[in-house]
Amino acid sequence: MKRIIIISLAALLLAACGGQTKEDKQKKIDNINARISKLEATKNSLIAASDTTSKEKIYPIKVQVLKIDTINKTANFSANLSAYEEVYLAPATPGRISQIFVKIGDYVKKGELLVKMDETQLSNAKIQLAQLETEFARIKALHETNSISVQQFEQMQTQVEVTRASVNFLAENTKLVAPISGVITGKYFENGELYSGAPNTQAGKAAIVVLQQIEPLKAIISVSENYYTQLKTGFSLAVTSEIFPGKVFNGKIDRIYPTIDPLTRTFKIEVKVNGEGKLRPGMFSETSLNLGEVTAIVVPDISIMQQEGTNDRYIFINQNGIAKRIKVELGERINEQLEIISNEIKEGDELIVAGQAVIMDGSKVRVTM
């Protein structure tokens, strides 16, 4: 199209030269040729620029071949400490509180009386039971002489048993005793108040007092599924707290939950912590578990990228001149090296360790460093 325009322009100029001298015509023809050459040069420059733009950029990179090393691995976790056991003490039915024998901070032993409820219902039930037992003794004597029907005897026997069970139930709920040894950490009523049975604690449970076993303590920790086959009950952990700098407390894995959360890809473990009378429920703690020598892939920390606005980490692998982005999880740190965990990497892959900041998944790359 450009060539046609140039030729048409030349024809028009030649037509305009009619009636002029030979020298004038030659001069105009020379001018026309010069302008045509200039237009050709401009066209060639535009074509060259277009070709340069259409070529895909190739990024220079430096790579490092991945290899499996043996490292001394330590798994680190953080968690809030909680009471090893916690009981929200309350009677099974509403009633008036006669007396509470403890206050917050008291240490109590298992079996110790903590709360006494009003015994009016219990007294009435005991009187009713005594009357029924007397009547049942008479009915039994008549039954033995076949003076009454079997049905009458069985009805009275059932009534006595039901009333006796009611008396036992009221007796158990009239006196609240400590099911474990521990410390009173909550008290929600006073003597003479009416216990209604409505939830009245932060845990959404109903209670007159709360009893906690605070020695030992426990920590519930969420652990990556990658550790599921490596952890066993009884494994020892080192527990630390910022409140006691330099102090290490002993912990052991007490329970491993049998399921993995599909959303977070983690499972829970319970750690029994010997707080030595210093640690308390609610404190923040750090725990570390020595897993011994394991095989792992360790890479320079500068090769690991972080997706903006998230905690996702990733690396780039060189696959025949194409950059492939791979999401990884971080493991143990050894000086300036970090363990990476992913099912998509293997020994022998070429990790991009320089130039990865300017490339994307699928970018063309060339090893030049």
Protein backbone atom coordinates (compact mmCIF):
# COMPACT_ATOMS: atom_id res chain seq x y z
CA MET A 1 0.00 0.00 0.00
CA LYS A 2 2.84 2.35 0.89
CA ARG A 3 4.57 1.46 -2.40
CA ILE A 4 1.43 2.36 -4.39
CA ILE A 5 1.20 5.71 -2.64
CA ILE A 6 4.83 6.48 -3.46
CA ILE A 7 4.39 5.56 -7.16
CA SER A 8 1.17 7.63 -7.42
CA LEU A 9 2.96 10.61 -5.92
CA ALA A 10 5.77 10.28 -8.48
CA ALA A 11 3.28 10.13 -11.39
CA LEU A 12 1.50 13.28 -10.25
CA LEU A 13 4.74 15.18 -9.95
CA LEU A 14 5.85 14.08 -13.43
CA ALA A 15 2.54 15.22 -14.85
CA ALA A 16 3.09 18.59 -13.24
CA CYS A 17 6.40 18.99 -15.09
CA GLY A 18 4.78 19.43 -18.49
CA GLY A 19 5.91 22.55 -20.45
CA GLN A 20 9.15 23.05 -18.51
CA THR A 21 12.75 22.99 -19.77
CA LYS A 22 14.78 19.78 -19.75
CA GLU A 23 17.02 21.03 -16.91
CA ASP A 24 14.01 21.99 -14.77
CA LYS A 25 12.38 18.63 -15.42
CA GLN A 26 15.56 16.76 -14.42
CA LYS A 27 15.89 18.80 -11.25
CA LYS A 28 12.30 17.99 -10.25
CA ILE A 29 12.82 14.32 -11.07
CA ASP A 30 15.89 14.28 -8.81
CA ASN A 31 13.85 15.85 -6.00
CA ILE A 32 11.14 13.24 -6.51
CA ASN A 33 13.67 10.39 -6.31
CA ALA A 34 15.14 11.84 -3.11
CA ARG A 35 11.71 12.02 -1.51
CA ILE A 36 10.92 8.47 -2.61
CA SER A 37 14.19 7.24 -1.04
CA LYS A 38 13.33 9.02 2.19
CA LEU A 39 9.85 7.43 2.28
CA GLU A 40 11.40 3.99 1.62
CA ALA A 41 13.82 4.49 4.53
CA THR A 42 10.98 5.50 6.82
CA LYS A 43 8.99 2.42 5.77
CA ASN A 44 11.93 0.10 6.45
CA SER A 45 12.49 1.69 9.86
CA LEU A 46 8.84 1.13 10.82
CA ILE A 47 9.00 -2.51 9.69
CA ALA A 48 12.18 -3.11 11.71
CA ALA A 49 10.63 -1.54 14.82
CA SER A 50 7.52 -3.70 14.39
CA ASP A 51 9.66 -6.84 14.13
CA THR A 52 11.57 -5.91 17.28
CA THR A 53 8.35 -5.32 19.26
CA SER A 54 6.85 -8.63 18.15
CA LYS A 55 9.80 -10.63 19.44
CA GLU A 56 9.23 -12.04 22.96
CA LYS A 57 11.74 -10.90 25.57
CA ILE A 58 14.21 -13.46 26.93
CA TYR A 59 15.28 -12.81 30.53
CA PRO A 60 18.82 -13.54 31.75
CA ILE A 61 18.95 -15.75 34.86
CA LYS A 62 21.27 -17.67 37.12
CA VAL A 63 20.39 -21.18 38.29
CA GLN A 64 21.37 -23.66 40.98
CA VAL A 65 20.78 -27.39 40.70
CA LEU A 66 18.59 -28.71 43.54
CA LYS A 67 20.02 -31.53 45.63
CA ILE A 68 18.93 -33.47 48.69
CA ASP A 69 20.93 -32.82 51.88
CA THR A 70 20.84 -34.29 55.36
CA ILE A 71 19.94 -31.73 58.03
CA ASN A 72 19.27 -31.76 61.76
CA LYS A 73 15.61 -30.74 61.72
CA THR A 74 13.71 -28.86 64.40
CA ALA A 75 10.01 -28.11 64.10
CA ASN A 76 8.91 -24.85 65.76
CA PHE A 77 5.33 -24.06 66.78
CA SER A 78 3.51 -21.41 68.80
CA ALA A 79 0.42 -21.80 70.96
CA ASN A 80 -1.51 -20.44 73.91
CA LEU A 81 -1.33 -22.48 77.10
CA SER A 82 -4.57 -23.73 78.67
CA ALA A 83 -5.62 -25.70 81.73
CA TYR A 84 -4.95 -29.42 81.45
CA GLU A 85 -8.48 -30.03 82.76
CA GLU A 86 -11.33 -27.57 83.26
CA VAL A 87 -14.68 -28.20 84.94
CA TYR A 88 -17.74 -25.92 85.01
CA LEU A 89 -19.50 -26.98 88.21
CA ALA A 90 -23.27 -26.62 88.43
CA PRO A 91 -26.24 -28.72 89.55
CA ALA A 92 -28.35 -30.51 86.94
CA THR A 93 -31.49 -28.56 87.91
CA PRO A 94 -32.12 -24.92 88.94
CA GLY A 95 -32.29 -24.17 92.65
CA ARG A 96 -31.29 -21.82 95.44
CA ILE A 97 -27.65 -21.79 96.57
CA SER A 98 -27.27 -22.37 100.30
CA GLN A 99 -23.52 -21.87 100.60
CA ILE A 100 -20.39 -21.61 98.44
CA PHE A 101 -17.36 -22.79 100.40
CA VAL A 102 -14.61 -21.49 98.08
CA LYS A 103 -13.39 -18.29 96.50
CA ILE A 104 -11.31 -17.51 93.39
CA GLY A 105 -7.71 -18.61 93.81
CA ASP A 106 -8.40 -21.38 96.32
CA TYR A 107 -6.65 -24.70 95.75
CA VAL A 108 -9.00 -27.65 96.33
CA LYS A 109 -8.48 -31.41 96.38
CA LYS A 110 -10.51 -34.00 94.56
CA GLY A 111 -13.67 -34.88 96.54
CA GLU A 112 -13.75 -31.62 98.53
CA LEU A 113 -17.19 -30.02 99.06
CA LEU A 114 -17.44 -26.78 97.06
CA VAL A 115 -21.13 -25.80 96.91
CA LYS A 116 -24.22 -26.77 98.89
CA MET A 117 -27.63 -26.23 97.32
CA ASP A 118 -31.00 -25.81 99.10
CA GLU A 119 -32.18 -29.24 100.36
CA THR A 120 -35.94 -28.62 100.46
CA GLN A 121 -36.64 -30.79 97.42
CA LEU A 122 -34.32 -33.48 98.73
CA SER A 123 -36.04 -33.53 102.12
CA ASN A 124 -39.47 -33.85 100.51
CA ALA A 125 -38.24 -36.64 98.27
CA LYS A 126 -36.78 -38.51 101.27
CA ILE A 127 -40.09 -38.25 103.17
CA GLN A 128 -41.97 -39.53 100.14
CA LEU A 129 -39.52 -42.42 99.75
CA ALA A 130 -39.92 -43.40 103.43
CA GLN A 131 -43.69 -43.51 103.07
CA LEU A 132 -43.49 -45.57 99.90
CA GLU A 133 -41.05 -48.03 101.47
CA THR A 134 -43.42 -48.55 104.41
CA GLU A 135 -46.32 -49.10 102.01
CA PHE A 136 -44.21 -51.42 99.88
CA ALA A 137 -43.33 -53.56 102.91
CA ARG A 138 -47.07 -54.06 103.56
CA ILE A 139 -47.76 -54.81 99.90
CA LYS A 140 -44.92 -57.29 99.81
CA ALA A 141 -46.33 -59.18 102.78
CA LEU A 142 -49.73 -59.37 101.08
CA HIS A 143 -48.10 -60.48 97.85
CA GLU A 144 -46.35 -63.36 99.63
CA THR A 145 -49.76 -64.63 100.85
CA ASN A 146 -51.27 -64.09 97.38
CA SER A 147 -53.67 -61.51 98.82
CA ILE A 148 -53.02 -59.00 96.05
CA SER A 149 -52.34 -59.30 92.35
CA VAL A 150 -48.87 -59.44 90.86
CA GLN A 151 -49.67 -56.26 88.90
CA GLN A 152 -50.33 -54.29 92.13
CA PHE A 153 -47.09 -55.54 93.65
CA GLU A 154 -45.01 -54.62 90.58
CA GLN A 155 -46.57 -51.16 90.33
CA MET A 156 -45.65 -50.37 93.93
CA GLN A 157 -42.14 -51.79 93.47
CA THR A 158 -41.59 -49.58 90.39
CA GLN A 159 -42.82 -46.49 92.23
CA VAL A 160 -40.37 -47.11 95.08
CA GLU A 161 -37.45 -47.56 92.68
CA VAL A 162 -38.30 -44.37 90.77
CA THR A 163 -38.54 -42.34 93.99
CA ARG A 164 -35.27 -43.79 95.29
CA ALA A 165 -33.53 -42.80 92.03
CA SER A 166 -34.95 -39.28 92.39
CA VAL A 167 -33.59 -39.04 95.94
CA ASN A 168 -30.14 -40.15 94.81
CA PHE A 169 -30.20 -37.65 91.92
CA LEU A 170 -31.17 -34.76 94.22
CA ALA A 171 -28.54 -35.79 96.75
CA GLU A 172 -25.83 -35.72 94.08
CA ASN A 173 -26.91 -32.28 92.88
CA THR A 174 -27.40 -30.78 96.32
CA LYS A 175 -23.72 -31.10 97.21
CA LEU A 176 -21.17 -30.24 94.50
CA VAL A 177 -17.76 -31.78 95.13
CA ALA A 178 -14.51 -31.30 93.20
CA PRO A 179 -14.06 -34.00 90.53
CA ILE A 180 -10.35 -33.10 90.18
CA SER A 181 -7.70 -31.30 92.20
CA GLY A 182 -7.08 -27.78 91.02
CA VAL A 183 -7.64 -24.05 91.48
CA ILE A 184 -10.92 -22.14 91.53
CA THR A 185 -10.65 -19.69 88.61
CA GLY A 186 -14.26 -18.49 88.39
CA LYS A 187 -17.11 -17.76 90.82
CA TYR A 188 -20.41 -16.47 89.43
CA PHE A 189 -22.90 -16.54 92.35
CA GLU A 190 -23.15 -15.66 96.02
CA ASN A 191 -24.83 -17.41 98.95
CA GLY A 192 -28.62 -17.33 98.77
CA GLU A 193 -28.84 -16.55 95.04
CA LEU A 194 -30.98 -18.58 92.68
CA TYR A 195 -29.14 -20.67 90.12
CA SER A 196 -31.25 -20.66 86.93
CA GLY A 197 -29.24 -22.96 84.68
CA ALA A 198 -28.76 -20.32 81.95
CA PRO A 199 -25.29 -20.01 80.35
CA ASN A 200 -23.32 -17.37 82.26
CA THR A 201 -19.63 -17.91 81.40
CA GLN A 202 -17.39 -16.81 78.54
CA ALA A 203 -17.33 -20.40 77.32
CA GLY A 204 -21.11 -20.31 76.89
CA LYS A 205 -21.66 -22.79 79.72
CA ALA A 206 -23.62 -22.54 82.96
CA ALA A 207 -21.60 -22.69 86.17
CA ILE A 208 -21.56 -21.66 89.81
CA VAL A 209 -17.77 -22.05 90.04
CA VAL A 210 -15.03 -23.06 87.57
CA LEU A 211 -12.27 -25.44 88.60
CA GLN A 212 -9.05 -25.74 86.57
CA GLN A 213 -6.06 -28.03 86.81
CA ILE A 214 -3.19 -25.65 86.03
CA GLU A 215 -0.29 -27.99 86.76
CA PRO A 216 0.46 -29.54 84.38
CA LEU A 217 -0.81 -27.38 81.51
CA LYS A 218 -1.54 -28.23 77.90
CA ALA A 219 -1.00 -26.54 74.56
CA ILE A 220 -3.07 -27.36 71.47
CA ILE A 221 -0.96 -26.79 68.37
CA SER A 222 -1.88 -26.79 64.67
CA VAL A 223 0.81 -28.62 62.69
CA SER A 224 1.32 -28.90 58.93
CA GLU A 225 0.22 -32.19 57.44
CA ASN A 226 3.82 -32.73 56.25
CA TYR A 227 4.74 -33.69 59.83
CA TYR A 228 1.90 -36.20 60.32
CA THR A 229 4.04 -39.31 59.81
CA GLN A 230 6.95 -37.92 61.85
CA LEU A 231 5.19 -37.11 65.14
CA LYS A 232 4.42 -39.69 67.83
CA THR A 233 2.87 -39.47 71.29
CA GLY A 234 5.54 -39.20 73.96
CA PHE A 235 7.91 -37.06 71.87
CA SER A 236 9.59 -34.39 74.01
CA LEU A 237 9.34 -30.69 73.20
CA ALA A 238 11.09 -27.63 74.58
CA VAL A 239 8.63 -24.94 75.70
CA THR A 240 9.61 -21.30 76.21
CA SER A 241 7.80 -18.12 77.20
CA GLU A 242 8.83 -14.49 76.79
CA ILE A 243 7.81 -13.90 80.41
CA PHE A 244 10.65 -16.18 81.55
CA PRO A 245 13.53 -15.43 79.11
CA GLY A 246 16.16 -18.18 78.93
CA LYS A 247 13.97 -20.65 80.82
CA VAL A 248 13.07 -23.92 79.05
CA PHE A 249 10.09 -25.99 80.24
CA ASN A 250 9.53 -29.63 79.37
CA GLY A 251 6.61 -30.79 77.27
CA LYS A 252 5.47 -34.08 75.74
CA ILE A 253 3.03 -34.89 72.97
CA ASP A 254 0.00 -36.24 74.83
CA ARG A 255 -2.45 -36.69 71.98
CA ILE A 256 -2.44 -36.52 68.17
CA TYR A 257 -5.77 -35.73 66.51
CA PRO A 258 -6.67 -38.35 63.86
CA THR A 259 -7.99 -35.99 61.17
CA ILE A 260 -6.55 -33.24 58.97
CA ASP A 261 -8.37 -29.97 58.28
CA PRO A 262 -8.92 -29.84 54.48
CA LEU A 263 -8.97 -26.02 54.49
CA THR A 264 -5.70 -25.37 56.34
CA ARG A 265 -3.98 -28.72 55.65
CA THR A 266 -3.08 -28.97 59.34
CA PHE A 267 -3.82 -31.35 62.19
CA LYS A 268 -3.83 -30.72 65.96
CA ILE A 269 -1.66 -32.13 68.70
CA GLU A 270 -2.00 -31.72 72.47
CA VAL A 271 1.21 -31.10 74.38
CA LYS A 272 1.37 -31.74 78.12
CA VAL A 273 3.55 -28.99 79.63
CA ASN A 274 5.29 -29.04 82.99
CA GLY A 275 4.98 -25.40 83.97
CA GLU A 276 6.86 -25.85 87.27
CA GLY A 277 4.27 -23.68 88.97
CA LYS A 278 5.30 -20.66 86.89
CA LEU A 279 3.31 -20.89 83.67
CA ARG A 280 -0.40 -20.08 83.67
CA PRO A 281 -3.37 -20.71 81.35
CA GLY A 282 -3.61 -18.05 78.64
CA MET A 283 0.14 -17.44 78.36
CA PHE A 284 1.68 -17.45 74.89
CA SER A 285 4.43 -20.01 74.35
CA GLU A 286 6.88 -21.23 71.72
CA THR A 287 7.60 -24.93 71.34
CA SER A 288 10.34 -26.70 69.43
CA LEU A 289 10.64 -30.39 68.57
CA ASN A 290 13.92 -32.00 67.53
CA LEU A 291 13.12 -34.49 64.74
CA GLY A 292 16.74 -35.62 64.34
CA GLU A 293 18.52 -35.97 61.01
CA VAL A 294 16.25 -35.93 57.96
CA THR A 295 16.72 -35.52 54.21
CA ALA A 296 15.54 -32.24 52.74
CA ILE A 297 15.99 -29.80 49.87
CA VAL A 298 17.68 -26.61 51.09
CA VAL A 299 17.96 -23.46 48.94
CA PRO A 300 19.24 -19.86 49.36
CA ASP A 301 16.62 -17.72 51.06
CA ILE A 302 16.99 -15.03 48.33
CA SER A 303 15.54 -17.46 45.77
CA ILE A 304 12.21 -17.66 47.61
CA MET A 305 9.56 -15.10 46.67
CA GLN A 306 6.46 -14.05 48.62
CA GLN A 307 3.17 -13.23 46.94
CA GLU A 308 2.14 -9.69 47.80
CA GLY A 309 -0.67 -9.43 50.33
CA THR A 310 -0.45 -13.11 51.33
CA ASN A 311 1.84 -15.48 53.20
CA ASP A 312 2.25 -17.72 50.14
CA ARG A 313 5.85 -18.49 49.15
CA TYR A 314 7.04 -19.65 45.73
CA ILE A 315 10.13 -20.30 43.61
CA PHE A 316 10.93 -20.45 39.89
CA ILE A 317 12.33 -23.51 38.14
CA ASN A 318 14.02 -23.38 34.72
CA GLN A 319 12.38 -25.96 32.44
CA ASN A 320 14.11 -25.92 29.06
CA GLY A 321 14.20 -22.14 28.87
CA ILE A 322 10.74 -21.59 30.38
CA ALA A 323 10.26 -20.32 33.94
CA LYS A 324 7.81 -22.38 36.00
CA ARG A 325 6.41 -20.95 39.22
CA ILE A 326 6.01 -23.46 42.10
CA LYS A 327 4.36 -22.82 45.46
CA VAL A 328 6.41 -24.11 48.40
CA GLU A 329 6.21 -24.37 52.18
CA LEU A 330 9.11 -23.32 54.36
CA GLY A 331 10.83 -25.67 56.77
CA GLU A 332 14.06 -25.42 58.73
CA ARG A 333 16.37 -22.40 58.45
CA ILE A 334 20.11 -23.04 58.39
CA ASN A 335 22.00 -19.72 58.32
CA GLU A 336 21.03 -18.17 54.94
CA GLN A 337 19.51 -21.39 53.64
CA LEU A 338 15.89 -22.48 53.94
CA GLU A 339 14.30 -25.88 53.58
CA ILE A 340 11.51 -25.91 50.99
CA ILE A 341 8.73 -28.47 50.80
CA SER A 342 6.67 -29.20 47.67
CA ASN A 343 5.51 -32.25 45.73
CA GLU A 344 6.39 -30.44 42.46
CA ILE A 345 10.15 -30.23 42.99
CA LYS A 346 12.80 -32.94 42.84
CA GLU A 347 16.53 -33.37 42.97
CA GLY A 348 18.18 -32.17 39.76
CA ASP A 349 15.72 -29.34 39.01
CA GLU A 350 17.29 -25.99 38.07
CA LEU A 351 16.31 -23.39 40.68
CA ILE A 352 16.44 -19.78 39.49
CA VAL A 353 18.47 -17.90 42.09
CA ALA A 354 19.02 -14.59 40.24
CA GLY A 355 16.70 -12.72 37.89
CA GLN A 356 13.56 -14.25 39.39
CA ALA A 357 12.23 -10.89 40.60
CA VAL A 358 11.33 -9.70 37.06
CA ILE A 359 9.92 -12.88 35.52
CA MET A 360 6.51 -14.52 35.56
CA ASP A 361 5.21 -18.04 35.17
CA GLY A 362 5.89 -19.00 31.54
CA SER A 363 8.52 -16.33 30.84
CA LYS A 364 11.33 -17.26 28.45
CA VAL A 365 14.69 -17.35 30.19
CA ARG A 366 18.33 -17.96 29.34
CA VAL A 367 21.11 -18.94 31.72
CA THR A 368 23.73 -16.24 31.31
CA MET A 369 25.24 -15.83 34.79
